[in-house]
């Protein structure tokens, strides 16, 4: 059985009856209808069995839309905070659509005094032959204040990342980074305990090679005596066969397609991670970024993120 799962940051999915963050930020009826039409078109192109959504304000409208697209179930686990007086949403949520029965929804276990910036979804999916699959949908804390945060590359060592992270903690460089790391830690230990094959789709709000990914995926982040990386989650991009579209045979390098841009520079912020027992099951990975090729900043009537899908053989 081949299954396709996607992640889709909707970019302020908020019906015209409400504003998002400030009173002046809202859609006209025409613009929101145009946005919904574009989202529906993208969902049909993605052709997924499961999609995790980020930046969901208007949950009922999204539910109606995904049911129109052939999904059987849609769930949320939290409500956005609303300023009733001004009809302004102050926080956003994640959502999850499935074409398979959702057997159970569980709360991600965490310390009593800890809260996520956006509550993640943990859904147990019932597949054929009594097989269960656990899917997490997350949207980690963003750096809205543009506080100082380190940037790492593929050449950055684990030791360098840990050292600089400890400096950032000690000097209180970024409260956003601290929250994001705590969210990654909480997901790490919940996924580590999970017995079912597991998938995490997320807007990580941090880049490839970041310390956040180490906290999310690598046991070495927690066990000082480990000398080698030991992962519980794997980035599906690196597990999928690469499709090379290259008019110049001598140029062998394959570059990862960004899912978001900042001042013209592309980053990967949207990820699909899989547990070790799915590591050899990835058949396809694809980024839907046609709208960003036309406008790197994205558009409120579309999205400022690309959509990502992964095909898995169960």
C-alpha atoms as a PDB file:
ATOM      1  CA  UNK A   1       0.000   0.000   0.000  1.00  0.00           C
ATOM      2  CA  UNK A   2       1.384   3.398  -1.041  1.00  0.00           C
ATOM      3  CA  UNK A   3       0.316   6.426   1.001  1.00  0.00           C
ATOM      4  CA  UNK A   4       0.924  10.109   0.304  1.00  0.00           C
ATOM      5  CA  UNK A   5       1.235  12.620   3.096  1.00  0.00           C
ATOM      6  CA  UNK A   6       1.662  16.380   2.804  1.00  0.00           C
ATOM      7  CA  UNK A   7       2.317  19.511   4.827  1.00  0.00           C
ATOM      8  CA  UNK A   8       0.666  22.799   3.892  1.00  0.00           C
ATOM      9  CA  UNK A   9       1.163  26.175   5.583  1.00  0.00           C
ATOM     10  CA  UNK A  10      -1.949  28.082   4.479  1.00  0.00           C
ATOM     11  CA  UNK A  11      -0.662  31.603   5.350  1.00  0.00           C
ATOM     12  CA  UNK A  12      -3.346  33.246   7.489  1.00  0.00           C
ATOM     13  CA  UNK A  13      -6.411  31.127   6.677  1.00  0.00           C
ATOM     14  CA  UNK A  14      -8.936  33.525   8.202  1.00  0.00           C
ATOM     15  CA  UNK A  15     -12.489  34.138   7.000  1.00  0.00           C
ATOM     16  CA  UNK A  16     -13.586  37.739   6.255  1.00  0.00           C
ATOM     17  CA  UNK A  17     -15.708  37.845   9.422  1.00  0.00           C
ATOM     18  CA  UNK A  18     -12.513  38.106  11.464  1.00  0.00           C
ATOM     19  CA  UNK A  19      -9.101  39.774  11.429  1.00  0.00           C
ATOM     20  CA  UNK A  20      -5.764  38.137  12.208  1.00  0.00           C
ATOM     21  CA  UNK A  21      -3.338  39.649  14.743  1.00  0.00           C
ATOM     22  CA  UNK A  22      -4.456  43.270  14.152  1.00  0.00           C
ATOM     23  CA  UNK A  23      -7.869  44.716  13.279  1.00  0.00           C
ATOM     24  CA  UNK A  24      -6.760  45.995   9.879  1.00  0.00           C
ATOM     25  CA  UNK A  25      -5.442  42.606   8.734  1.00  0.00           C
ATOM     26  CA  UNK A  26      -8.357  40.798   7.125  1.00  0.00           C
ATOM     27  CA  UNK A  27      -9.588  39.449   3.812  1.00  0.00           C
ATOM     28  CA  UNK A  28     -12.335  40.800   1.632  1.00  0.00           C
ATOM     29  CA  UNK A  29     -14.943  38.206   0.674  1.00  0.00           C
ATOM     30  CA  UNK A  30     -13.612  38.153  -2.884  1.00  0.00           C
ATOM     31  CA  UNK A  31      -9.985  37.705  -1.862  1.00  0.00           C
ATOM     32  CA  UNK A  32     -10.793  34.941   0.627  1.00  0.00           C
ATOM     33  CA  UNK A  33     -12.834  33.101  -2.000  1.00  0.00           C
ATOM     34  CA  UNK A  34      -9.882  33.393  -4.371  1.00  0.00           C
ATOM     35  CA  UNK A  35      -7.580  32.036  -1.652  1.00  0.00           C
ATOM     36  CA  UNK A  36      -9.899  29.075  -0.980  1.00  0.00           C
ATOM     37  CA  UNK A  37     -10.059  28.268  -4.696  1.00  0.00           C
ATOM     38  CA  UNK A  38      -6.270  28.273  -4.925  1.00  0.00           C
ATOM     39  CA  UNK A  39      -5.914  26.078  -1.820  1.00  0.00           C
ATOM     40  CA  UNK A  40      -8.423  23.595  -3.233  1.00  0.00           C
ATOM     41  CA  UNK A  41      -6.493  23.494  -6.502  1.00  0.00           C
ATOM     42  CA  UNK A  42      -3.234  22.811  -4.615  1.00  0.00           C
ATOM     43  CA  UNK A  43      -4.811  20.079  -2.474  1.00  0.00           C
ATOM     44  CA  UNK A  44      -6.076  18.303  -5.575  1.00  0.00           C
ATOM     45  CA  UNK A  45      -2.622  18.579  -7.185  1.00  0.00           C
ATOM     46  CA  UNK A  46      -0.980  17.147  -4.066  1.00  0.00           C
ATOM     47  CA  UNK A  47      -3.384  14.181  -4.212  1.00  0.00           C
ATOM     48  CA  UNK A  48      -2.606  13.087  -0.655  1.00  0.00           C
ATOM     49  CA  UNK A  49      -4.152  10.602   1.741  1.00  0.00           C
ATOM     50  CA  UNK A  50      -3.209  12.848   4.682  1.00  0.00           C
ATOM     51  CA  UNK A  51      -2.380  16.548   4.962  1.00  0.00           C
ATOM     52  CA  UNK A  52      -1.228  18.530   7.978  1.00  0.00           C
ATOM     53  CA  UNK A  53      -2.101  22.234   7.871  1.00  0.00           C
ATOM     54  CA  UNK A  54      -0.553  25.235   9.623  1.00  0.00           C
ATOM     55  CA  UNK A  55      -1.865  28.780  10.175  1.00  0.00           C
ATOM     56  CA  UNK A  56      -5.491  27.744  10.556  1.00  0.00           C
ATOM     57  CA  UNK A  57      -7.743  30.412  12.076  1.00  0.00           C
ATOM     58  CA  UNK A  58     -11.088  29.508  10.482  1.00  0.00           C
ATOM     59  CA  UNK A  59     -11.388  25.821  11.243  1.00  0.00           C
ATOM     60  CA  UNK A  60     -14.935  25.168  10.012  1.00  0.00           C
ATOM     61  CA  UNK A  61     -14.212  26.750   6.628  1.00  0.00           C
ATOM     62  CA  UNK A  62     -11.125  24.556   6.205  1.00  0.00           C
ATOM     63  CA  UNK A  63     -13.084  21.456   7.197  1.00  0.00           C
ATOM     64  CA  UNK A  64     -15.705  22.177   4.525  1.00  0.00           C
ATOM     65  CA  UNK A  65     -12.964  22.722   1.955  1.00  0.00           C
ATOM     66  CA  UNK A  66     -11.062  19.467   2.618  1.00  0.00           C
ATOM     67  CA  UNK A  67     -14.277  17.427   2.657  1.00  0.00           C
ATOM     68  CA  UNK A  68     -15.025  18.867  -0.799  1.00  0.00           C
ATOM     69  CA  UNK A  69     -11.601  17.560  -1.850  1.00  0.00           C
ATOM     70  CA  UNK A  70     -12.435  13.967  -0.898  1.00  0.00           C
ATOM     71  CA  UNK A  71     -11.097  13.713   2.644  1.00  0.00           C
ATOM     72  CA  UNK A  72     -13.210  11.736   5.103  1.00  0.00           C
ATOM     73  CA  UNK A  73     -12.102  13.327   8.371  1.00  0.00           C
ATOM     74  CA  UNK A  74     -10.743  16.655   9.588  1.00  0.00           C
ATOM     75  CA  UNK A  75      -9.591  17.356  13.135  1.00  0.00           C
ATOM     76  CA  UNK A  76      -8.175  20.148  15.267  1.00  0.00           C
ATOM     77  CA  UNK A  77      -7.138  19.895  18.928  1.00  0.00           C
ATOM     78  CA  UNK A  78      -7.156  23.540  19.934  1.00  0.00           C
ATOM     79  CA  UNK A  79      -8.971  26.787  19.202  1.00  0.00           C
ATOM     80  CA  UNK A  80      -7.334  30.073  18.193  1.00  0.00           C
ATOM     81  CA  UNK A  81      -7.518  32.791  20.830  1.00  0.00           C
ATOM     82  CA  UNK A  82     -10.020  35.469  19.837  1.00  0.00           C
ATOM     83  CA  UNK A  83     -10.411  39.053  20.973  1.00  0.00           C
ATOM     84  CA  UNK A  84     -14.217  38.987  20.980  1.00  0.00           C
ATOM     85  CA  UNK A  85     -14.575  42.735  21.233  1.00  0.00           C
ATOM     86  CA  UNK A  86     -12.654  43.427  18.015  1.00  0.00           C
ATOM     87  CA  UNK A  87     -13.142  40.027  16.320  1.00  0.00           C
ATOM     88  CA  UNK A  88      -9.363  39.636  16.015  1.00  0.00           C
ATOM     89  CA  UNK A  89      -7.631  36.251  16.233  1.00  0.00           C
ATOM     90  CA  UNK A  90      -4.467  36.445  18.347  1.00  0.00           C
ATOM     91  CA  UNK A  91      -3.214  32.890  17.858  1.00  0.00           C
ATOM     92  CA  UNK A  92      -3.454  30.233  15.190  1.00  0.00           C
ATOM     93  CA  UNK A  93      -3.789  26.428  15.128  1.00  0.00           C
ATOM     94  CA  UNK A  94      -2.867  23.353  13.112  1.00  0.00           C
ATOM     95  CA  UNK A  95      -5.317  21.001  11.389  1.00  0.00           C
ATOM     96  CA  UNK A  96      -5.258  17.482   9.966  1.00  0.00           C
ATOM     97  CA  UNK A  97      -7.204  15.904   7.100  1.00  0.00           C
ATOM     98  CA  UNK A  98      -7.351  12.145   6.483  1.00  0.00           C
ATOM     99  CA  UNK A  99      -8.899   9.837   3.905  1.00  0.00           C
ATOM    100  CA  UNK A 100      -8.492   6.947   6.366  1.00  0.00           C
ATOM    101  CA  UNK A 101     -10.319   6.468   9.678  1.00  0.00           C
ATOM    102  CA  UNK A 102      -8.773   8.312  12.622  1.00  0.00           C
ATOM    103  CA  UNK A 103      -8.777   5.680  15.350  1.00  0.00           C
ATOM    104  CA  UNK A 104      -7.714   7.926  18.213  1.00  0.00           C
ATOM    105  CA  UNK A 105      -6.461  11.435  18.983  1.00  0.00           C
ATOM    106  CA  UNK A 106      -3.938  11.718  21.802  1.00  0.00           C
ATOM    107  CA  UNK A 107      -2.316  14.628  23.615  1.00  0.00           C
ATOM    108  CA  UNK A 108       1.441  14.898  23.192  1.00  0.00           C
ATOM    109  CA  UNK A 109       2.866  14.178  26.640  1.00  0.00           C
ATOM    110  CA  UNK A 110       4.799  17.001  28.265  1.00  0.00           C
ATOM    111  CA  UNK A 111       5.882  18.523  31.564  1.00  0.00           C
ATOM    112  CA  UNK A 112       3.002  19.952  33.593  1.00  0.00           C
ATOM    113  CA  UNK A 113       4.204  23.543  33.260  1.00  0.00           C
ATOM    114  CA  UNK A 114       4.958  23.411  29.522  1.00  0.00           C
ATOM    115  CA  UNK A 115       2.734  24.672  26.696  1.00  0.00           C
ATOM    116  CA  UNK A 116       3.319  24.709  22.956  1.00  0.00           C
ATOM    117  CA  UNK A 117       3.023  27.973  21.041  1.00  0.00           C
ATOM    118  CA  UNK A 118       0.584  25.989  18.880  1.00  0.00           C
ATOM    119  CA  UNK A 119      -0.757  22.705  20.223  1.00  0.00           C
ATOM    120  CA  UNK A 120       0.367  19.840  17.934  1.00  0.00           C
ATOM    121  CA  UNK A 121      -1.906  17.070  16.684  1.00  0.00           C
ATOM    122  CA  UNK A 122      -1.191  13.408  17.372  1.00  0.00           C
ATOM    123  CA  UNK A 123      -3.534  11.120  15.442  1.00  0.00           C
ATOM    124  CA  UNK A 124      -3.565   7.315  15.331  1.00  0.00           C
ATOM    125  CA  UNK A 125      -4.672   6.180  11.868  1.00  0.00           C
ATOM    126  CA  UNK A 126      -6.300   2.823  11.205  1.00  0.00           C
ATOM    127  CA  UNK A 127      -4.982   1.245   8.002  1.00  0.00           C
ATOM    128  CA  UNK A 128      -5.677  -2.149   6.435  1.00  0.00           C
ATOM    129  CA  UNK A 129      -4.766  -5.465   8.116  1.00  0.00           C
ATOM    130  CA  UNK A 130      -4.931  -4.001  11.644  1.00  0.00           C
ATOM    131  CA  UNK A 131      -1.954  -1.749  10.968  1.00  0.00           C
ATOM    132  CA  UNK A 132      -1.836   1.579  12.780  1.00  0.00           C
ATOM    133  CA  UNK A 133       0.121   4.692  11.830  1.00  0.00           C
ATOM    134  CA  UNK A 134       0.787   7.667  14.102  1.00  0.00           C
ATOM    135  CA  UNK A 135       0.857  11.087  12.454  1.00  0.00           C
ATOM    136  CA  UNK A 136       1.959  14.286  14.188  1.00  0.00           C
ATOM    137  CA  UNK A 137       1.229  17.774  12.858  1.00  0.00           C
ATOM    138  CA  UNK A 138       3.248  20.647  14.307  1.00  0.00           C
ATOM    139  CA  UNK A 139       4.046  24.336  13.838  1.00  0.00           C
ATOM    140  CA  UNK A 140       6.958  25.290  16.055  1.00  0.00           C
ATOM    141  CA  UNK A 141       7.562  28.689  17.584  1.00  0.00           C
ATOM    142  CA  UNK A 142       8.514  31.406  15.097  1.00  0.00           C
ATOM    143  CA  UNK A 143      11.070  34.153  15.653  1.00  0.00           C
ATOM    144  CA  UNK A 144       8.662  37.049  15.168  1.00  0.00           C
ATOM    145  CA  UNK A 145      10.888  39.462  17.102  1.00  0.00           C
ATOM    146  CA  UNK A 146      13.868  38.703  14.832  1.00  0.00           C
ATOM    147  CA  UNK A 147      16.005  37.983  17.877  1.00  0.00           C
ATOM    148  CA  UNK A 148      19.579  36.909  17.247  1.00  0.00           C
ATOM    149  CA  UNK A 149      19.840  33.211  16.333  1.00  0.00           C
ATOM    150  CA  UNK A 150      22.806  31.235  14.985  1.00  0.00           C
ATOM    151  CA  UNK A 151      22.793  30.003  11.392  1.00  0.00           C
ATOM    152  CA  UNK A 152      24.317  26.610  10.689  1.00  0.00           C
ATOM    153  CA  UNK A 153      25.321  24.882   7.431  1.00  0.00           C
ATOM    154  CA  UNK A 154      25.915  21.296   6.326  1.00  0.00           C
ATOM    155  CA  UNK A 155      29.534  21.767   7.418  1.00  0.00           C
ATOM    156  CA  UNK A 156      28.621  22.730  10.992  1.00  0.00           C
ATOM    157  CA  UNK A 157      29.499  19.983  13.469  1.00  0.00           C
ATOM    158  CA  UNK A 158      27.206  18.737  16.201  1.00  0.00           C
ATOM    159  CA  UNK A 159      29.713  19.970  18.790  1.00  0.00           C
ATOM    160  CA  UNK A 160      29.670  23.478  17.283  1.00  0.00           C
ATOM    161  CA  UNK A 161      25.873  23.580  17.346  1.00  0.00           C
ATOM    162  CA  UNK A 162      25.668  22.442  20.972  1.00  0.00           C
ATOM    163  CA  UNK A 163      28.353  24.878  22.101  1.00  0.00           C
ATOM    164  CA  UNK A 164      26.674  27.865  20.461  1.00  0.00           C
ATOM    165  CA  UNK A 165      23.250  26.803  21.679  1.00  0.00           C
ATOM    166  CA  UNK A 166      24.530  26.738  25.258  1.00  0.00           C
ATOM    167  CA  UNK A 167      25.975  30.233  24.768  1.00  0.00           C
ATOM    168  CA  UNK A 168      22.606  31.420  23.438  1.00  0.00           C
ATOM    169  CA  UNK A 169      20.856  29.915  26.466  1.00  0.00           C
ATOM    170  CA  UNK A 170      23.295  31.375  28.959  1.00  0.00           C
ATOM    171  CA  UNK A 171      23.049  34.872  27.474  1.00  0.00           C
ATOM    172  CA  UNK A 172      19.289  34.759  26.798  1.00  0.00           C
ATOM    173  CA  UNK A 173      19.841  35.613  23.132  1.00  0.00           C
ATOM    174  CA  UNK A 174      16.481  34.328  21.955  1.00  0.00           C
ATOM    175  CA  UNK A 175      13.371  33.362  23.917  1.00  0.00           C
ATOM    176  CA  UNK A 176      11.883  32.156  20.621  1.00  0.00           C
ATOM    177  CA  UNK A 177      14.733  29.682  20.154  1.00  0.00           C
ATOM    178  CA  UNK A 178      14.345  28.435  23.732  1.00  0.00           C
ATOM    179  CA  UNK A 179      10.626  27.825  23.190  1.00  0.00           C
ATOM    180  CA  UNK A 180      11.248  26.112  19.843  1.00  0.00           C
ATOM    181  CA  UNK A 181      13.876  23.813  21.342  1.00  0.00           C
ATOM    182  CA  UNK A 182      11.562  22.932  24.234  1.00  0.00           C
ATOM    183  CA  UNK A 183       8.832  22.088  21.704  1.00  0.00           C
ATOM    184  CA  UNK A 184      11.262  19.919  19.716  1.00  0.00           C
ATOM    185  CA  UNK A 185      12.351  18.147  22.916  1.00  0.00           C
ATOM    186  CA  UNK A 186       8.760  17.415  23.905  1.00  0.00           C
ATOM    187  CA  UNK A 187       7.959  15.962  20.483  1.00  0.00           C
ATOM    188  CA  UNK A 188      11.204  13.953  20.504  1.00  0.00           C
ATOM    189  CA  UNK A 189      10.378  12.075  23.689  1.00  0.00           C
ATOM    190  CA  UNK A 190       6.745  11.459  22.738  1.00  0.00           C
ATOM    191  CA  UNK A 191       7.758  10.061  19.334  1.00  0.00           C
ATOM    192  CA  UNK A 192      10.555   8.022  20.927  1.00  0.00           C
ATOM    193  CA  UNK A 193       7.960   6.241  23.102  1.00  0.00           C
ATOM    194  CA  UNK A 194       5.584   5.626  20.184  1.00  0.00           C
ATOM    195  CA  UNK A 195       5.348   1.982  19.073  1.00  0.00           C
ATOM    196  CA  UNK A 196       3.544   2.604  15.770  1.00  0.00           C
ATOM    197  CA  UNK A 197       5.388   3.725  12.631  1.00  0.00           C
ATOM    198  CA  UNK A 198       5.343   7.514  12.981  1.00  0.00           C
ATOM    199  CA  UNK A 199       5.402  10.560  10.714  1.00  0.00           C
ATOM    200  CA  UNK A 200       5.844  14.197  11.696  1.00  0.00           C
ATOM    201  CA  UNK A 201       4.768  16.914   9.256  1.00  0.00           C
ATOM    202  CA  UNK A 202       5.668  20.399  10.343  1.00  0.00           C
ATOM    203  CA  UNK A 203       6.537  23.986   9.716  1.00  0.00           C
ATOM    204  CA  UNK A 204       9.696  23.851  11.796  1.00  0.00           C
ATOM    205  CA  UNK A 205      10.250  27.622  11.725  1.00  0.00           C
ATOM    206  CA  UNK A 206      13.928  26.755  11.611  1.00  0.00           C
ATOM    207  CA  UNK A 207      16.241  25.784   8.810  1.00  0.00           C
ATOM    208  CA  UNK A 208      17.898  22.644   7.570  1.00  0.00           C
ATOM    209  CA  UNK A 209      21.012  21.804   9.693  1.00  0.00           C
ATOM    210  CA  UNK A 210      19.565  23.762  12.655  1.00  0.00           C
ATOM    211  CA  UNK A 211      20.010  22.873  16.317  1.00  0.00           C
ATOM    212  CA  UNK A 212      16.204  22.493  16.434  1.00  0.00           C
ATOM    213  CA  UNK A 213      16.448  19.475  14.119  1.00  0.00           C
ATOM    214  CA  UNK A 214      19.109  17.950  16.363  1.00  0.00           C
ATOM    215  CA  UNK A 215      16.813  18.346  19.388  1.00  0.00           C
ATOM    216  CA  UNK A 216      13.913  16.848  17.443  1.00  0.00           C
ATOM    217  CA  UNK A 217      15.667  13.878  15.860  1.00  0.00           C
ATOM    218  CA  UNK A 218      19.006  13.036  17.516  1.00  0.00           C
ATOM    219  CA  UNK A 219      19.456  11.128  20.809  1.00  0.00           C
ATOM    220  CA  UNK A 220      22.935  12.613  20.986  1.00  0.00           C
ATOM    221  CA  UNK A 221      21.378  15.962  21.913  1.00  0.00           C
ATOM    222  CA  UNK A 222      20.308  14.369  25.223  1.00  0.00           C
ATOM    223  CA  UNK A 223      22.992  11.748  25.948  1.00  0.00           C
ATOM    224  CA  UNK A 224      26.393  13.359  26.436  1.00  0.00           C
ATOM    225  CA  UNK A 225      28.286  10.045  26.309  1.00  0.00           C
ATOM    226  CA  UNK A 226      27.116   9.294  22.759  1.00  0.00           C
ATOM    227  CA  UNK A 227      29.974   9.904  20.327  1.00  0.00           C
ATOM    228  CA  UNK A 228      27.950   9.251  17.174  1.00  0.00           C
ATOM    229  CA  UNK A 229      24.590  10.497  15.951  1.00  0.00           C
ATOM    230  CA  UNK A 230      21.647   8.249  16.786  1.00  0.00           C
ATOM    231  CA  UNK A 231      18.410   9.368  15.157  1.00  0.00           C
ATOM    232  CA  UNK A 232      14.793   8.537  15.972  1.00  0.00           C
ATOM    233  CA  UNK A 233      13.459  10.571  13.012  1.00  0.00           C
ATOM    234  CA  UNK A 234      14.721  11.030   9.466  1.00  0.00           C
ATOM    235  CA  UNK A 235      14.162  13.796   6.936  1.00  0.00           C
ATOM    236  CA  UNK A 236      12.233  12.136   4.093  1.00  0.00           C
ATOM    237  CA  UNK A 237      13.980  14.375   1.524  1.00  0.00           C
ATOM    238  CA  UNK A 238      17.210  12.417   1.973  1.00  0.00           C
ATOM    239  CA  UNK A 239      15.478   9.041   1.859  1.00  0.00           C
ATOM    240  CA  UNK A 240      13.591   9.529  -1.406  1.00  0.00           C
ATOM    241  CA  UNK A 241      15.034   8.758  -4.861  1.00  0.00           C
ATOM    242  CA  UNK A 242      16.174  12.018  -6.455  1.00  0.00           C
ATOM    243  CA  UNK A 243      14.590  13.194  -9.689  1.00  0.00           C
ATOM    244  CA  UNK A 244      17.245  15.038 -11.673  1.00  0.00           C
ATOM    245  CA  UNK A 245      16.078  17.648 -14.159  1.00  0.00           C
ATOM    246  CA  UNK A 246      19.415  18.796 -15.534  1.00  0.00           C
ATOM    247  CA  UNK A 247      20.063  20.080 -19.058  1.00  0.00           C
ATOM    248  CA  UNK A 248      23.831  20.042 -18.388  1.00  0.00           C
ATOM    249  CA  UNK A 249      25.065  16.460 -17.826  1.00  0.00           C
ATOM    250  CA  UNK A 250      28.379  17.676 -16.408  1.00  0.00           C
ATOM    251  CA  UNK A 251      26.590  19.447 -13.515  1.00  0.00           C
ATOM    252  CA  UNK A 252      25.900  16.699 -10.968  1.00  0.00           C
ATOM    253  CA  UNK A 253      24.854  18.700  -7.913  1.00  0.00           C
ATOM    254  CA  UNK A 254      21.244  18.378  -6.780  1.00  0.00           C
ATOM    255  CA  UNK A 255      19.962  21.384  -4.857  1.00  0.00           C
ATOM    256  CA  UNK A 256      17.090  21.165  -2.413  1.00  0.00           C
ATOM    257  CA  UNK A 257      14.061  23.226  -3.406  1.00  0.00           C
ATOM    258  CA  UNK A 258      13.327  25.896  -0.754  1.00  0.00           C
ATOM    259  CA  UNK A 259       9.893  25.987   0.839  1.00  0.00           C
ATOM    260  CA  UNK A 260      10.066  29.647   1.938  1.00  0.00           C
ATOM    261  CA  UNK A 261      12.032  32.810   1.143  1.00  0.00           C
ATOM    262  CA  UNK A 262      13.309  35.686   3.257  1.00  0.00           C
ATOM    263  CA  UNK A 263      14.734  38.786   1.529  1.00  0.00           C
ATOM    264  CA  UNK A 264      15.078  36.689  -1.606  1.00  0.00           C
ATOM    265  CA  UNK A 265      17.042  33.861   0.023  1.00  0.00           C
ATOM    266  CA  UNK A 266      15.478  30.405   0.015  1.00  0.00           C
ATOM    267  CA  UNK A 267      15.160  28.197   3.095  1.00  0.00           C
ATOM    268  CA  UNK A 268      13.627  24.841   3.897  1.00  0.00           C
ATOM    269  CA  UNK A 269      11.222  25.353   6.805  1.00  0.00           C
ATOM    270  CA  UNK A 270       8.612  22.696   5.978  1.00  0.00           C
ATOM    271  CA  UNK A 271       9.551  19.084   6.673  1.00  0.00           C
ATOM    272  CA  UNK A 272       8.228  15.543   6.671  1.00  0.00           C
ATOM    273  CA  UNK A 273      10.122  13.334   9.134  1.00  0.00           C
ATOM    274  CA  UNK A 274       9.620   9.572   9.458  1.00  0.00           C
ATOM    275  CA  UNK A 275      10.528   7.082  12.184  1.00  0.00           C
ATOM    276  CA  UNK A 276      13.244   4.467  11.727  1.00  0.00           C
ATOM    277  CA  UNK A 277      10.813   1.697  10.753  1.00  0.00           C
ATOM    278  CA  UNK A 278       9.746   3.774   7.711  1.00  0.00           C
ATOM    279  CA  UNK A 279      13.279   4.779   6.728  1.00  0.00           C
ATOM    280  CA  UNK A 280      13.446   2.413   3.740  1.00  0.00           C
ATOM    281  CA  UNK A 281       9.861   2.992   2.609  1.00  0.00           C
ATOM    282  CA  UNK A 282      10.106   6.458   1.021  1.00  0.00           C
ATOM    283  CA  UNK A 283       9.246   6.331  -2.679  1.00  0.00           C
ATOM    284  CA  UNK A 284       8.813   9.995  -3.580  1.00  0.00           C
ATOM    285  CA  UNK A 285       9.364  13.514  -2.267  1.00  0.00           C
ATOM    286  CA  UNK A 286       8.020  16.584  -4.032  1.00  0.00           C
ATOM    287  CA  UNK A 287       7.818  20.326  -3.402  1.00  0.00           C
ATOM    288  CA  UNK A 288       4.971  22.358  -4.926  1.00  0.00           C
ATOM    289  CA  UNK A 289       6.534  25.799  -5.341  1.00  0.00           C
ATOM    290  CA  UNK A 290       5.225  27.130  -8.657  1.00  0.00           C
ATOM    291  CA  UNK A 291       3.590  30.116  -6.915  1.00  0.00           C
ATOM    292  CA  UNK A 292       6.889  30.997  -5.193  1.00  0.00           C
ATOM    293  CA  UNK A 293       8.790  30.838  -8.459  1.00  0.00           C
ATOM    294  CA  UNK A 294       6.518  33.630  -9.681  1.00  0.00           C
ATOM    295  CA  UNK A 295       6.677  35.592  -6.412  1.00  0.00           C
ATOM    296  CA  UNK A 296       9.217  34.545  -3.774  1.00  0.00           C
ATOM    297  CA  UNK A 297       7.398  36.468  -1.045  1.00  0.00           C
ATOM    298  CA  UNK A 298       4.205  34.579  -1.734  1.00  0.00           C
ATOM    299  CA  UNK A 299       0.777  36.152  -1.618  1.00  0.00           C
ATOM    300  CA  UNK A 300      -1.939  36.332   1.016  1.00  0.00           C
ATOM    301  CA  UNK A 301      -4.322  35.008  -1.617  1.00  0.00           C
ATOM    302  CA  UNK A 302      -2.053  31.973  -1.994  1.00  0.00           C
ATOM    303  CA  UNK A 303       0.724  31.140   0.493  1.00  0.00           C
ATOM    304  CA  UNK A 304       4.243  32.219   1.398  1.00  0.00           C
ATOM    305  CA  UNK A 305       5.257  28.554   1.807  1.00  0.00           C
ATOM    306  CA  UNK A 306       5.616  25.745  -0.692  1.00  0.00           C
ATOM    307  CA  UNK A 307       3.722  22.524  -0.061  1.00  0.00           C
ATOM    308  CA  UNK A 308       5.642  19.289   0.495  1.00  0.00           C
ATOM    309  CA  UNK A 309       4.483  15.718  -0.112  1.00  0.00           C
ATOM    310  CA  UNK A 310       6.056  12.362   0.591  1.00  0.00           C
ATOM    311  CA  UNK A 311       4.963   8.970  -0.752  1.00  0.00           C
ATOM    312  CA  UNK A 312       5.498   6.011   1.554  1.00  0.00           C
ATOM    313  CA  UNK A 313       5.103   2.285   0.897  1.00  0.00           C
ATOM    314  CA  UNK A 314       3.511   0.584   3.897  1.00  0.00           C
END
